[in-house]
Amino acid sequence: MNMTSLVIKCDHSIIDDFKYEVFDDDRLIYEGYVDIYSPIVNLVRGEGFCSSKIRVFNRSDEQVLIIYKHIKNIVND
């Protein structure tokens, strides 16, 4: 069995959104960003309420994954 070790780094400043970087050894393979405006955008698009959303991109800037946490309420239960 071949095990892969990944390192995830998180950076945040007052001006920027959260940024996640995933490394395989020293090679950056994915970047993730928390979109601060995603709860508003999701509500307008009719995708329900969410408290946070992380968009993950590969090295070709293609979105490969979306991770989000829904807020439970009467509308989306």
N, C-alpha and C. Protein backbone atom coordinates (compact mmCIF):
# COMPACT_ATOMS: atom_id res chain seq x y z
N MET A 1 0.84 -1.17 0.00
CA MET A 1 0.00 0.00 0.00
C MET A 1 0.89 1.24 0.00
N ASN A 2 0.65 2.14 -0.95
CA ASN A 2 1.44 3.36 -1.07
C ASN A 2 0.69 4.52 -0.43
N MET A 3 1.27 5.13 0.59
CA MET A 3 0.63 6.23 1.31
C MET A 3 1.12 7.56 0.74
N THR A 4 0.20 8.49 0.59
CA THR A 4 0.54 9.83 0.14
C THR A 4 0.34 10.79 1.29
N SER A 5 1.32 11.63 1.52
CA SER A 5 1.23 12.62 2.59
C SER A 5 0.96 13.99 1.98
N LEU A 6 -0.12 14.62 2.40
CA LEU A 6 -0.47 15.94 1.91
C LEU A 6 -0.35 16.95 3.05
N VAL A 7 0.10 18.15 2.73
CA VAL A 7 0.20 19.22 3.70
C VAL A 7 -0.79 20.31 3.29
N ILE A 8 -1.64 20.74 4.23
CA ILE A 8 -2.61 21.79 3.95
C ILE A 8 -2.24 23.01 4.78
N LYS A 9 -2.03 24.13 4.08
CA LYS A 9 -1.69 25.38 4.75
C LYS A 9 -2.84 26.36 4.59
N CYS A 10 -3.11 27.14 5.62
CA CYS A 10 -4.18 28.13 5.57
C CYS A 10 -3.61 29.51 5.88
N ASP A 11 -4.00 30.50 5.10
CA ASP A 11 -3.54 31.87 5.29
C ASP A 11 -4.76 32.78 5.30
N HIS A 12 -4.74 33.78 6.16
CA HIS A 12 -5.86 34.71 6.22
C HIS A 12 -5.36 36.07 6.66
N SER A 13 -5.84 37.09 6.01
CA SER A 13 -5.57 38.45 6.46
C SER A 13 -6.89 39.21 6.45
N ILE A 14 -6.88 40.40 7.01
CA ILE A 14 -8.11 41.18 7.11
C ILE A 14 -8.65 41.54 5.72
N ILE A 15 -7.76 41.79 4.76
CA ILE A 15 -8.20 42.20 3.43
C ILE A 15 -8.59 41.01 2.56
N ASP A 16 -7.96 39.87 2.76
CA ASP A 16 -8.18 38.70 1.89
C ASP A 16 -9.16 37.72 2.52
N ASP A 17 -9.73 36.89 1.66
CA ASP A 17 -10.50 35.74 2.14
C ASP A 17 -9.51 34.70 2.65
N PHE A 18 -10.03 33.67 3.30
CA PHE A 18 -9.17 32.55 3.67
C PHE A 18 -8.65 31.89 2.41
N LYS A 19 -7.40 31.46 2.41
CA LYS A 19 -6.82 30.77 1.27
C LYS A 19 -6.17 29.49 1.79
N TYR A 20 -6.50 28.36 1.17
CA TYR A 20 -5.93 27.07 1.53
C TYR A 20 -5.03 26.60 0.41
N GLU A 21 -3.91 25.98 0.75
CA GLU A 21 -3.00 25.40 -0.24
C GLU A 21 -2.72 23.96 0.16
N VAL A 22 -2.81 23.05 -0.81
CA VAL A 22 -2.56 21.64 -0.56
C VAL A 22 -1.28 21.25 -1.31
N PHE A 23 -0.32 20.70 -0.56
CA PHE A 23 0.97 20.32 -1.12
C PHE A 23 1.17 18.82 -1.05
N ASP A 24 1.77 18.26 -2.08
CA ASP A 24 2.25 16.88 -2.08
C ASP A 24 3.76 17.00 -2.09
N ASP A 25 4.40 16.71 -0.96
CA ASP A 25 5.80 17.04 -0.72
C ASP A 25 5.94 18.56 -0.85
N ASP A 26 6.76 19.04 -1.76
CA ASP A 26 6.91 20.49 -1.94
C ASP A 26 6.13 21.01 -3.15
N ARG A 27 5.32 20.16 -3.74
CA ARG A 27 4.61 20.53 -4.97
C ARG A 27 3.18 20.95 -4.63
N LEU A 28 2.83 22.19 -5.00
CA LEU A 28 1.48 22.69 -4.79
C LEU A 28 0.54 22.02 -5.78
N ILE A 29 -0.51 21.33 -5.27
CA ILE A 29 -1.41 20.63 -6.18
C ILE A 29 -2.81 21.24 -6.23
N TYR A 30 -3.26 21.86 -5.14
CA TYR A 30 -4.59 22.48 -5.12
C TYR A 30 -4.53 23.78 -4.32
N GLU A 31 -5.41 24.71 -4.69
CA GLU A 31 -5.61 25.92 -3.90
C GLU A 31 -7.09 26.04 -3.61
N GLY A 32 -7.43 26.46 -2.41
CA GLY A 32 -8.83 26.64 -2.05
C GLY A 32 -9.05 28.03 -1.48
N TYR A 33 -10.21 28.58 -1.76
CA TYR A 33 -10.54 29.92 -1.30
C TYR A 33 -11.92 29.92 -0.65
N VAL A 34 -12.05 30.64 0.46
CA VAL A 34 -13.36 30.82 1.08
C VAL A 34 -13.95 32.10 0.53
N ASP A 35 -15.10 31.98 -0.06
CA ASP A 35 -15.78 33.13 -0.65
C ASP A 35 -16.67 33.77 0.41
N ILE A 36 -16.32 34.98 0.84
CA ILE A 36 -17.07 35.66 1.88
C ILE A 36 -18.50 35.98 1.43
N TYR A 37 -18.67 36.26 0.14
CA TYR A 37 -19.99 36.65 -0.37
C TYR A 37 -20.86 35.45 -0.77
N SER A 38 -20.36 34.23 -0.61
CA SER A 38 -21.10 33.06 -1.06
C SER A 38 -22.47 32.89 -0.43
N PRO A 39 -22.68 33.21 0.86
CA PRO A 39 -24.04 33.06 1.39
C PRO A 39 -25.07 33.91 0.64
N ILE A 40 -24.69 35.12 0.26
CA ILE A 40 -25.61 36.01 -0.47
C ILE A 40 -25.83 35.48 -1.89
N VAL A 41 -24.75 35.09 -2.57
CA VAL A 41 -24.84 34.59 -3.94
C VAL A 41 -25.68 33.31 -3.99
N ASN A 42 -25.46 32.38 -3.06
CA ASN A 42 -26.23 31.14 -3.03
C ASN A 42 -27.71 31.40 -2.82
N LEU A 43 -28.03 32.36 -1.97
CA LEU A 43 -29.43 32.69 -1.72
C LEU A 43 -30.09 33.25 -2.98
N VAL A 44 -29.40 34.15 -3.68
CA VAL A 44 -29.93 34.74 -4.91
C VAL A 44 -30.12 33.68 -5.99
N ARG A 45 -29.20 32.73 -6.09
CA ARG A 45 -29.29 31.67 -7.10
C ARG A 45 -30.29 30.58 -6.73
N GLY A 46 -30.84 30.65 -5.53
CA GLY A 46 -31.80 29.65 -5.10
C GLY A 46 -31.16 28.36 -4.65
N GLU A 47 -29.88 28.41 -4.25
CA GLU A 47 -29.16 27.21 -3.83
C GLU A 47 -29.25 26.99 -2.32
N GLY A 48 -30.04 27.79 -1.63
CA GLY A 48 -30.20 27.63 -0.19
C GLY A 48 -29.23 28.50 0.58
N PHE A 49 -29.38 28.48 1.89
CA PHE A 49 -28.52 29.25 2.76
C PHE A 49 -27.28 28.44 3.11
N CYS A 50 -26.12 29.07 3.09
CA CYS A 50 -24.92 28.38 3.56
C CYS A 50 -24.11 29.33 4.42
N SER A 51 -23.40 28.79 5.40
CA SER A 51 -22.60 29.63 6.28
C SER A 51 -21.20 29.83 5.74
N SER A 52 -20.70 28.89 4.96
CA SER A 52 -19.36 29.04 4.37
C SER A 52 -19.25 28.17 3.13
N LYS A 53 -18.34 28.56 2.24
CA LYS A 53 -18.15 27.82 1.00
C LYS A 53 -16.69 27.93 0.59
N ILE A 54 -16.06 26.80 0.32
CA ILE A 54 -14.66 26.76 -0.12
C ILE A 54 -14.65 26.24 -1.55
N ARG A 55 -14.01 26.99 -2.45
CA ARG A 55 -13.86 26.56 -3.84
C ARG A 55 -12.41 26.11 -4.02
N VAL A 56 -12.21 24.90 -4.58
CA VAL A 56 -10.88 24.32 -4.74
C VAL A 56 -10.53 24.25 -6.23
N PHE A 57 -9.33 24.71 -6.56
CA PHE A 57 -8.86 24.76 -7.95
C PHE A 57 -7.59 23.95 -8.10
N ASN A 58 -7.42 23.31 -9.26
CA ASN A 58 -6.16 22.61 -9.54
C ASN A 58 -5.16 23.60 -10.12
N ARG A 59 -4.00 23.13 -10.52
CA ARG A 59 -2.95 24.02 -11.02
C ARG A 59 -3.28 24.65 -12.36
N SER A 60 -4.29 24.13 -13.06
CA SER A 60 -4.74 24.72 -14.33
C SER A 60 -5.87 25.72 -14.11
N ASP A 61 -6.10 26.10 -12.86
CA ASP A 61 -7.18 27.02 -12.47
C ASP A 61 -8.56 26.50 -12.82
N GLU A 62 -8.72 25.17 -12.87
CA GLU A 62 -10.04 24.57 -13.06
C GLU A 62 -10.62 24.26 -11.68
N GLN A 63 -11.87 24.63 -11.46
CA GLN A 63 -12.51 24.33 -10.19
C GLN A 63 -12.79 22.84 -10.13
N VAL A 64 -12.27 22.17 -9.10
CA VAL A 64 -12.42 20.72 -9.00
C VAL A 64 -13.31 20.29 -7.84
N LEU A 65 -13.61 21.22 -6.93
CA LEU A 65 -14.37 20.83 -5.75
C LEU A 65 -14.99 22.06 -5.11
N ILE A 66 -16.20 21.89 -4.58
CA ILE A 66 -16.83 22.93 -3.77
C ILE A 66 -17.24 22.28 -2.45
N ILE A 67 -16.83 22.89 -1.35
CA ILE A 67 -17.21 22.39 -0.03
C ILE A 67 -18.01 23.50 0.64
N TYR A 68 -19.24 23.20 1.04
CA TYR A 68 -20.00 24.23 1.73
C TYR A 68 -20.85 23.63 2.83
N LYS A 69 -21.16 24.48 3.79
CA LYS A 69 -21.94 24.05 4.95
C LYS A 69 -23.28 24.78 4.91
N HIS A 70 -24.35 24.01 4.79
CA HIS A 70 -25.69 24.61 4.76
C HIS A 70 -26.13 24.97 6.17
N ILE A 71 -26.93 26.02 6.25
CA ILE A 71 -27.56 26.40 7.50
C ILE A 71 -28.95 25.77 7.49
N LYS A 72 -29.26 25.00 8.52
CA LYS A 72 -30.59 24.37 8.57
C LYS A 72 -31.63 25.42 8.95
N ASN A 73 -32.70 25.47 8.18
CA ASN A 73 -33.82 26.36 8.48
C ASN A 73 -35.08 25.80 7.82
N ILE A 74 -36.17 26.49 7.95
CA ILE A 74 -37.44 25.99 7.42
C ILE A 74 -37.40 25.88 5.89
N VAL A 75 -36.67 26.78 5.23
CA VAL A 75 -36.65 26.82 3.77
C VAL A 75 -35.96 25.60 3.18
N ASN A 76 -34.80 25.18 3.74
CA ASN A 76 -34.05 24.09 3.10
C ASN A 76 -34.06 22.78 3.88
N ASP A 77 -34.86 22.65 4.94
CA ASP A 77 -34.92 21.38 5.68
C ASP A 77 -35.72 20.34 4.93
